PDB file of all heavy atoms in Angstrom:
ATOM      1  N   ILE A   1       7.276 -13.816  27.076  1.00  0.00           N
ATOM      2  CA  ILE A   1       6.034 -13.940  26.270  1.00  0.00           C
ATOM      3  C   ILE A   1       6.219 -14.921  25.087  1.00  0.00           C
ATOM      4  O   ILE A   1       5.423 -15.796  24.859  1.00  0.00           O
ATOM      5  CB  ILE A   1       5.621 -12.567  25.767  1.00  0.00           C
ATOM      6  CG1 ILE A   1       5.136 -11.743  26.939  1.00  0.00           C
ATOM      7  CG2 ILE A   1       4.519 -12.703  24.694  1.00  0.00           C
ATOM      8  CD1 ILE A   1       4.924 -10.278  26.572  1.00  0.00           C
ATOM      9  N   ALA A   2       7.374 -14.824  24.413  1.00  0.00           N
ATOM     10  CA  ALA A   2       7.615 -15.719  23.280  1.00  0.00           C
ATOM     11  C   ALA A   2       7.767 -17.135  23.784  1.00  0.00           C
ATOM     12  O   ALA A   2       7.266 -18.114  23.141  1.00  0.00           O
ATOM     13  CB  ALA A   2       8.892 -15.239  22.594  1.00  0.00           C
ATOM     14  N   ARG A   3       8.431 -17.382  24.912  1.00  0.00           N
ATOM     15  CA  ARG A   3       8.641 -18.665  25.443  1.00  0.00           C
ATOM     16  C   ARG A   3       7.290 -19.352  25.831  1.00  0.00           C
ATOM     17  O   ARG A   3       7.067 -20.501  25.645  1.00  0.00           O
ATOM     18  CB  ARG A   3       9.527 -18.700  26.667  1.00  0.00           C
ATOM     19  CG  ARG A   3       9.984 -20.040  27.118  1.00  0.00           C
ATOM     20  CD  ARG A   3      10.907 -19.987  28.303  1.00  0.00           C
ATOM     21  NE  ARG A   3      12.044 -19.123  28.117  1.00  0.00           N
ATOM     22  CZ  ARG A   3      12.565 -18.325  29.082  1.00  0.00           C
ATOM     23  NH1 ARG A   3      12.060 -18.355  30.324  1.00  0.00           N
ATOM     24  NH2 ARG A   3      13.627 -17.604  28.796  1.00  0.00           N
ATOM     25  N   GLU A   4       6.359 -18.533  26.386  1.00  0.00           N
ATOM     26  CA  GLU A   4       5.091 -19.075  26.884  1.00  0.00           C
ATOM     27  C   GLU A   4       4.070 -19.287  25.729  1.00  0.00           C
ATOM     28  O   GLU A   4       3.089 -19.928  25.911  1.00  0.00           O
ATOM     29  CB  GLU A   4       4.504 -18.120  27.908  1.00  0.00           C
ATOM     30  CG  GLU A   4       5.325 -17.962  29.165  1.00  0.00           C
ATOM     31  CD  GLU A   4       5.445 -19.318  29.902  1.00  0.00           C
ATOM     32  OE1 GLU A   4       4.435 -20.066  29.938  1.00  0.00           O
ATOM     33  OE2 GLU A   4       6.522 -19.568  30.480  1.00  0.00           O
ATOM     34  N   ASN A   5       4.360 -18.688  24.584  1.00  0.00           N
ATOM     35  CA  ASN A   5       3.416 -18.744  23.441  1.00  0.00           C
ATOM     36  C   ASN A   5       4.100 -19.362  22.234  1.00  0.00           C
ATOM     37  O   ASN A   5       4.025 -18.716  21.103  1.00  0.00           O
ATOM     38  CB  ASN A   5       2.846 -17.354  23.146  1.00  0.00           C
ATOM     39  CG  ASN A   5       2.036 -16.824  24.240  1.00  0.00           C
ATOM     40  OD1 ASN A   5       0.985 -17.360  24.611  1.00  0.00           O
ATOM     41  ND2 ASN A   5       2.499 -15.797  24.926  1.00  0.00           N
ATOM     42  N   GLN A   6       4.687 -20.494  22.319  1.00  0.00           N
ATOM     43  CA  GLN A   6       5.379 -21.130  21.203  1.00  0.00           C
ATOM     44  C   GLN A   6       4.386 -21.601  20.154  1.00  0.00           C
ATOM     45  O   GLN A   6       3.244 -21.983  20.484  1.00  0.00           O
ATOM     46  CB  GLN A   6       6.229 -22.263  21.754  1.00  0.00           C
ATOM     47  CG  GLN A   6       7.394 -21.807  22.532  1.00  0.00           C
ATOM     48  CD  GLN A   6       8.276 -22.932  22.989  1.00  0.00           C
ATOM     49  OE1 GLN A   6       8.143 -24.043  22.566  1.00  0.00           O
ATOM     50  NE2 GLN A   6       9.271 -22.601  23.805  1.00  0.00           N
ATOM     51  N   THR A   7       4.834 -21.625  18.953  1.00  0.00           N
ATOM     52  CA  THR A   7       4.000 -22.071  17.870  1.00  0.00           C
ATOM     53  C   THR A   7       4.209 -23.569  17.645  1.00  0.00           C
ATOM     54  O   THR A   7       5.259 -24.057  17.732  1.00  0.00           O
ATOM     55  CB  THR A   7       4.406 -21.288  16.516  1.00  0.00           C
ATOM     56  OG1 THR A   7       4.302 -19.893  16.794  1.00  0.00           O
ATOM     57  CG2 THR A   7       3.570 -21.708  15.386  1.00  0.00           C
ATOM     58  N   ASN A   8       3.113 -24.224  17.282  1.00  0.00           N
ATOM     59  CA  ASN A   8       3.167 -25.641  16.924  1.00  0.00           C
ATOM     60  C   ASN A   8       2.436 -25.826  15.606  1.00  0.00           C
ATOM     61  O   ASN A   8       1.835 -24.861  15.106  1.00  0.00           O
ATOM     62  CB  ASN A   8       2.580 -26.484  18.054  1.00  0.00           C
ATOM     63  CG  ASN A   8       1.111 -26.173  18.317  1.00  0.00           C
ATOM     64  OD1 ASN A   8       0.315 -26.058  17.386  1.00  0.00           O
ATOM     65  ND2 ASN A   8       0.741 -26.131  19.588  1.00  0.00           N
ATOM     66  N   PRO A   9       2.402 -27.004  15.016  1.00  0.00           N
ATOM     67  CA  PRO A   9       1.769 -27.227  13.682  1.00  0.00           C
ATOM     68  C   PRO A   9       0.270 -26.794  13.703  1.00  0.00           C
ATOM     69  O   PRO A   9      -0.246 -26.443  12.657  1.00  0.00           O
ATOM     70  CB  PRO A   9       1.976 -28.674  13.429  1.00  0.00           C
ATOM     71  CG  PRO A   9       3.221 -29.048  14.204  1.00  0.00           C
ATOM     72  CD  PRO A   9       3.196 -28.217  15.398  1.00  0.00           C
ATOM     73  N   LEU A  10      -0.344 -26.877  14.868  1.00  0.00           N
ATOM     74  CA  LEU A  10      -1.798 -26.556  14.856  1.00  0.00           C
ATOM     75  C   LEU A  10      -2.041 -25.041  14.960  1.00  0.00           C
ATOM     76  O   LEU A  10      -3.072 -24.549  14.523  1.00  0.00           O
ATOM     77  CB  LEU A  10      -2.455 -27.210  16.061  1.00  0.00           C
ATOM     78  CG  LEU A  10      -2.515 -28.760  16.038  1.00  0.00           C
ATOM     79  CD1 LEU A  10      -3.109 -29.304  17.339  1.00  0.00           C
ATOM     80  CD2 LEU A  10      -3.254 -29.266  14.852  1.00  0.00           C
ATOM     81  N   THR A  11      -1.060 -24.273  15.504  1.00  0.00           N
ATOM     82  CA  THR A  11      -1.236 -22.850  15.657  1.00  0.00           C
ATOM     83  C   THR A  11      -0.387 -21.990  14.713  1.00  0.00           C
ATOM     84  O   THR A  11      -0.427 -20.786  14.821  1.00  0.00           O
ATOM     85  CB  THR A  11      -0.945 -22.395  17.141  1.00  0.00           C
ATOM     86  OG1 THR A  11       0.426 -22.726  17.370  1.00  0.00           O
ATOM     87  CG2 THR A  11      -1.859 -23.103  18.134  1.00  0.00           C
ATOM     88  N   MET A  12       0.315 -22.636  13.840  1.00  0.00           N
ATOM     89  CA  MET A  12       1.219 -21.870  12.995  1.00  0.00           C
ATOM     90  C   MET A  12       0.458 -21.042  11.951  1.00  0.00           C
ATOM     91  O   MET A  12      -0.666 -21.349  11.648  1.00  0.00           O
ATOM     92  CB  MET A  12       2.179 -22.822  12.247  1.00  0.00           C
ATOM     93  CG  MET A  12       1.577 -23.692  11.226  1.00  0.00           C
ATOM     94  SD  MET A  12       2.861 -24.740  10.477  1.00  0.00           S
ATOM     95  CE  MET A  12       1.900 -25.445   9.185  1.00  0.00           C
ATOM     96  N   LEU A  13       1.123 -20.017  11.505  1.00  0.00           N
ATOM     97  CA  LEU A  13       0.509 -19.116  10.490  1.00  0.00           C
ATOM     98  C   LEU A  13       0.551 -19.878   9.128  1.00  0.00           C
ATOM     99  O   LEU A  13       1.639 -20.285   8.709  1.00  0.00           O
ATOM    100  CB  LEU A  13       1.261 -17.839  10.418  1.00  0.00           C
ATOM    101  CG  LEU A  13       0.848 -16.845   9.401  1.00  0.00           C
ATOM    102  CD1 LEU A  13      -0.622 -16.375   9.684  1.00  0.00           C
ATOM    103  CD2 LEU A  13       1.721 -15.628   9.364  1.00  0.00           C
ATOM    104  N   ARG A  14      -0.549 -19.995   8.466  1.00  0.00           N
ATOM    105  CA  ARG A  14      -0.623 -20.653   7.218  1.00  0.00           C
ATOM    106  C   ARG A  14      -0.587 -19.599   6.106  1.00  0.00           C
ATOM    107  O   ARG A  14      -1.521 -18.785   5.986  1.00  0.00           O
ATOM    108  CB  ARG A  14      -1.864 -21.517   7.102  1.00  0.00           C
ATOM    109  CG  ARG A  14      -1.729 -22.767   7.988  1.00  0.00           C
ATOM    110  CD  ARG A  14      -2.995 -23.566   7.997  1.00  0.00           C
ATOM    111  NE  ARG A  14      -2.845 -24.746   8.812  1.00  0.00           N
ATOM    112  CZ  ARG A  14      -3.006 -24.732  10.147  1.00  0.00           C
ATOM    113  NH1 ARG A  14      -3.288 -23.588  10.806  1.00  0.00           N
ATOM    114  NH2 ARG A  14      -2.857 -25.838  10.808  1.00  0.00           N
ATOM    115  N   LEU A  15       0.469 -19.565   5.346  1.00  0.00           N
ATOM    116  CA  LEU A  15       0.618 -18.556   4.323  1.00  0.00           C
ATOM    117  C   LEU A  15       0.051 -19.148   3.030  1.00  0.00           C
ATOM    118  O   LEU A  15       0.247 -20.299   2.680  1.00  0.00           O
ATOM    119  CB  LEU A  15       2.059 -18.231   4.081  1.00  0.00           C
ATOM    120  CG  LEU A  15       2.796 -17.654   5.325  1.00  0.00           C
ATOM    121  CD1 LEU A  15       4.246 -17.486   5.044  1.00  0.00           C
ATOM    122  CD2 LEU A  15       2.125 -16.364   5.756  1.00  0.00           C
ATOM    123  N   ILE A  16      -0.694 -18.296   2.298  1.00  0.00           N
ATOM    124  CA  ILE A  16      -1.287 -18.712   1.020  1.00  0.00           C
ATOM    125  C   ILE A  16      -0.851 -17.844  -0.082  1.00  0.00           C
ATOM    126  O   ILE A  16      -0.404 -16.688   0.154  1.00  0.00           O
ATOM    127  CB  ILE A  16      -2.807 -18.745   1.085  1.00  0.00           C
ATOM    128  CG1 ILE A  16      -3.351 -17.356   1.313  1.00  0.00           C
ATOM    129  CG2 ILE A  16      -3.270 -19.733   2.155  1.00  0.00           C
ATOM    130  CD1 ILE A  16      -4.844 -17.243   1.116  1.00  0.00           C
ATOM    131  N   THR A  17      -0.934 -18.269  -1.314  1.00  0.00           N
ATOM    132  CA  THR A  17      -0.711 -17.407  -2.479  1.00  0.00           C
ATOM    133  C   THR A  17      -2.054 -17.261  -3.170  1.00  0.00           C
ATOM    134  O   THR A  17      -2.634 -18.234  -3.637  1.00  0.00           O
ATOM    135  CB  THR A  17       0.293 -18.065  -3.402  1.00  0.00           C
ATOM    136  OG1 THR A  17       1.530 -18.328  -2.696  1.00  0.00           O
ATOM    137  CG2 THR A  17       0.592 -17.190  -4.625  1.00  0.00           C
ATOM    138  N   ALA A  18      -2.540 -16.001  -3.192  1.00  0.00           N
ATOM    139  CA  ALA A  18      -3.809 -15.772  -3.823  1.00  0.00           C
ATOM    140  C   ALA A  18      -3.727 -15.929  -5.355  1.00  0.00           C
ATOM    141  O   ALA A  18      -2.698 -15.515  -5.930  1.00  0.00           O
ATOM    142  CB  ALA A  18      -4.295 -14.367  -3.459  1.00  0.00           C
ATOM    143  N   PRO A  19      -4.671 -16.510  -5.990  1.00  0.00           N
ATOM    144  CA  PRO A  19      -4.630 -16.657  -7.463  1.00  0.00           C
ATOM    145  C   PRO A  19      -4.716 -15.294  -8.109  1.00  0.00           C
ATOM    146  O   PRO A  19      -5.432 -14.374  -7.624  1.00  0.00           O
ATOM    147  CB  PRO A  19      -5.831 -17.556  -7.756  1.00  0.00           C
ATOM    148  CG  PRO A  19      -6.764 -17.361  -6.617  1.00  0.00           C
ATOM    149  CD  PRO A  19      -5.934 -17.089  -5.369  1.00  0.00           C
ATOM    150  N   VAL A  20      -4.006 -15.146  -9.185  1.00  0.00           N
ATOM    151  CA  VAL A  20      -4.014 -13.923  -9.972  1.00  0.00           C
ATOM    152  C   VAL A  20      -5.285 -13.951 -10.897  1.00  0.00           C
ATOM    153  O   VAL A  20      -5.412 -14.877 -11.703  1.00  0.00           O
ATOM    154  CB  VAL A  20      -2.783 -13.784 -10.816  1.00  0.00           C
ATOM    155  CG1 VAL A  20      -2.792 -12.526 -11.648  1.00  0.00           C
ATOM    156  CG2 VAL A  20      -1.548 -13.740  -9.901  1.00  0.00           C
ATOM    157  N   GLN A  21      -6.109 -12.948 -10.760  1.00  0.00           N
ATOM    158  CA  GLN A  21      -7.445 -12.908 -11.518  1.00  0.00           C
ATOM    159  C   GLN A  21      -7.217 -12.114 -12.834  1.00  0.00           C
ATOM    160  O   GLN A  21      -7.854 -12.463 -13.789  1.00  0.00           O
ATOM    161  CB  GLN A  21      -8.495 -12.275 -10.666  1.00  0.00           C
ATOM    162  CG  GLN A  21      -8.775 -12.979  -9.419  1.00  0.00           C
ATOM    163  CD  GLN A  21      -9.373 -14.374  -9.626  1.00  0.00           C
ATOM    164  OE1 GLN A  21     -10.058 -14.543 -10.594  1.00  0.00           O
ATOM    165  NE2 GLN A  21      -9.072 -15.332  -8.742  1.00  0.00           N
ATOM    166  N   ASP A  22      -6.434 -11.159 -12.875  1.00  0.00           N
ATOM    167  CA  ASP A  22      -6.310 -10.317 -14.032  1.00  0.00           C
ATOM    168  C   ASP A  22      -5.151 -10.749 -14.918  1.00  0.00           C
ATOM    169  O   ASP A  22      -3.993 -10.934 -14.385  1.00  0.00           O
ATOM    170  CB  ASP A  22      -6.060  -8.869 -13.604  1.00  0.00           C
ATOM    171  CG  ASP A  22      -6.141  -7.857 -14.700  1.00  0.00           C
ATOM    172  OD1 ASP A  22      -6.370  -8.275 -15.853  1.00  0.00           O
ATOM    173  OD2 ASP A  22      -5.952  -6.656 -14.426  1.00  0.00           O
ATOM    174  N   GLY A  23      -5.356 -10.967 -16.165  1.00  0.00           N
ATOM    175  CA  GLY A  23      -4.282 -11.407 -17.070  1.00  0.00           C
ATOM    176  C   GLY A  23      -3.196 -10.425 -17.165  1.00  0.00           C
ATOM    177  O   GLY A  23      -1.996 -10.793 -17.311  1.00  0.00           O
ATOM    178  N   ARG A  24      -3.564  -9.113 -17.212  1.00  0.00           N
ATOM    179  CA  ARG A  24      -2.471  -8.093 -17.319  1.00  0.00           C
ATOM    180  C   ARG A  24      -1.571  -8.093 -16.057  1.00  0.00           C
ATOM    181  O   ARG A  24      -0.378  -7.971 -16.204  1.00  0.00           O
ATOM    182  CB  ARG A  24      -3.122  -6.676 -17.406  1.00  0.00           C
ATOM    183  CG  ARG A  24      -3.784  -6.512 -18.758  1.00  0.00           C
ATOM    184  CD  ARG A  24      -4.473  -5.167 -18.784  1.00  0.00           C
ATOM    185  NE  ARG A  24      -5.538  -5.181 -17.785  1.00  0.00           N
ATOM    186  CZ  ARG A  24      -6.257  -4.152 -17.469  1.00  0.00           C
ATOM    187  NH1 ARG A  24      -6.023  -2.937 -17.966  1.00  0.00           N
ATOM    188  NH2 ARG A  24      -7.229  -4.250 -16.554  1.00  0.00           N
ATOM    189  N   LEU A  25      -2.157  -8.257 -14.885  1.00  0.00           N
ATOM    190  CA  LEU A  25      -1.367  -8.389 -13.639  1.00  0.00           C
ATOM    191  C   LEU A  25      -0.446  -9.557 -13.677  1.00  0.00           C
ATOM    192  O   LEU A  25       0.730  -9.534 -13.334  1.00  0.00           O
ATOM    193  CB  LEU A  25      -2.297  -8.432 -12.436  1.00  0.00           C
ATOM    194  CG  LEU A  25      -1.580  -8.437 -11.129  1.00  0.00           C
ATOM    195  CD1 LEU A  25      -0.701  -7.284 -10.891  1.00  0.00           C
ATOM    196  CD2 LEU A  25      -2.606  -8.578  -9.980  1.00  0.00           C
ATOM    197  N   LYS A  26      -0.965 -10.723 -14.179  1.00  0.00           N
ATOM    198  CA  LYS A  26      -0.159 -11.927 -14.255  1.00  0.00           C
ATOM    199  C   LYS A  26       1.005 -11.749 -15.181  1.00  0.00           C
ATOM    200  O   LYS A  26       2.158 -12.068 -14.851  1.00  0.00           O
ATOM    201  CB  LYS A  26      -1.046 -13.068 -14.739  1.00  0.00           C
ATOM    202  CG  LYS A  26      -0.329 -14.411 -14.737  1.00  0.00           C
ATOM    203  CD  LYS A  26      -1.269 -15.516 -15.138  1.00  0.00           C
ATOM    204  CE  LYS A  26      -0.523 -16.857 -15.125  1.00  0.00           C
ATOM    205  NZ  LYS A  26      -1.387 -17.956 -15.491  1.00  0.00           N
ATOM    206  N   ARG A  27       0.787 -11.133 -16.339  1.00  0.00           N
ATOM    207  CA  ARG A  27       1.901 -10.848 -17.293  1.00  0.00           C
ATOM    208  C   ARG A  27       2.889  -9.871 -16.688  1.00  0.00           C
ATOM    209  O   ARG A  27       4.076 -10.030 -16.893  1.00  0.00           O
ATOM    210  CB  ARG A  27       1.322 -10.293 -18.620  1.00  0.00           C
ATOM    211  CG  ARG A  27       0.629 -11.353 -19.467  1.00  0.00           C
ATOM    212  CD  ARG A  27       0.321 -10.852 -20.833  1.00  0.00           C
ATOM    213  NE  ARG A  27      -0.598  -9.723 -20.872  1.00  0.00           N
ATOM    214  CZ  ARG A  27      -1.923  -9.792 -20.785  1.00  0.00           C
ATOM    215  NH1 ARG A  27      -2.515 -10.995 -20.717  1.00  0.00           N
ATOM    216  NH2 ARG A  27      -2.706  -8.699 -20.750  1.00  0.00           N
ATOM    217  N   ALA A  28       2.452  -8.878 -15.935  1.00  0.00           N
ATOM    218  CA  ALA A  28       3.385  -7.919 -15.320  1.00  0.00           C
ATOM    219  C   ALA A  28       4.245  -8.627 -14.301  1.00  0.00           C
ATOM    220  O   ALA A  28       5.455  -8.366 -14.231  1.00  0.00           O
ATOM    221  CB  ALA A  28       2.558  -6.791 -14.711  1.00  0.00           C
ATOM    222  N   ILE A  29       3.677  -9.495 -13.535  1.00  0.00           N
ATOM    223  CA  ILE A  29       4.432 -10.223 -12.545  1.00  0.00           C
ATOM    224  C   ILE A  29       5.466 -11.145 -13.214  1.00  0.00           C
ATOM    225  O   ILE A  29       6.572 -11.218 -12.801  1.00  0.00           O
ATOM    226  CB  ILE A  29       3.478 -11.057 -11.618  1.00  0.00           C
ATOM    227  CG1 ILE A  29       2.679 -10.098 -10.726  1.00  0.00           C
ATOM    228  CG2 ILE A  29       4.265 -12.046 -10.744  1.00  0.00           C
ATOM    229  CD1 ILE A  29       1.573 -10.744  -9.975  1.00  0.00           C
ATOM    230  N   GLU A  30       5.075 -11.801 -14.245  1.00  0.00           N
ATOM    231  CA  GLU A  30       5.933 -12.690 -14.969  1.00  0.00           C
ATOM    232  C   GLU A  30       7.096 -11.929 -15.634  1.00  0.00           C
ATOM    233  O   GLU A  30       8.240 -12.344 -15.639  1.00  0.00           O
ATOM    234  CB  GLU A  30       5.200 -13.493 -15.997  1.00  0.00           C
ATOM    235  CG  GLU A  30       4.310 -14.553 -15.396  1.00  0.00           C
ATOM    236  CD  GLU A  30       3.440 -15.210 -16.437  1.00  0.00           C
ATOM    237  OE1 GLU A  30       3.357 -14.780 -17.599  1.00  0.00           O
ATOM    238  OE2 GLU A  30       2.714 -16.171 -16.038  1.00  0.00           O
ATOM    239  N   SER A  31       6.785 -10.725 -16.184  1.00  0.00           N
ATOM    240  CA  SER A  31       7.880  -9.979 -16.830  1.00  0.00           C
ATOM    241  C   SER A  31       8.807  -9.384 -15.829  1.00  0.00           C
ATOM    242  O   SER A  31      10.021  -9.257 -16.083  1.00  0.00           O
ATOM    243  CB  SER A  31       7.258  -8.851 -17.681  1.00  0.00           C
ATOM    244  OG  SER A  31       6.601  -7.875 -16.900  1.00  0.00           O
ATOM    245  N   GLU A  32       8.295  -9.037 -14.636  1.00  0.00           N
ATOM    246  CA  GLU A  32       9.156  -8.524 -13.575  1.00  0.00           C
ATOM    247  C   GLU A  32      10.074  -9.629 -13.047  1.00  0.00           C
ATOM    248  O   GLU A  32      11.246  -9.387 -12.749  1.00  0.00           O
ATOM    249  CB  GLU A  32       8.346  -8.000 -12.408  1.00  0.00           C
ATOM    250  CG  GLU A  32       9.157  -7.291 -11.383  1.00  0.00           C
ATOM    251  CD  GLU A  32       8.250  -6.680 -10.301  1.00  0.00           C
ATOM    252  OE1 GLU A  32       7.373  -5.843 -10.681  1.00  0.00           O
ATOM    253  OE2 GLU A  32       8.500  -7.024  -9.148  1.00  0.00           O
TER     254      GLU A  32
END
């Protein structure tokens, strides 16, 4: 199954980083 369904640049999973909306959450992430 893995051999028959190889990933290429058109089908690869695109990972994103969601923007932080809350200032308190951003500060908590930075302090961690």
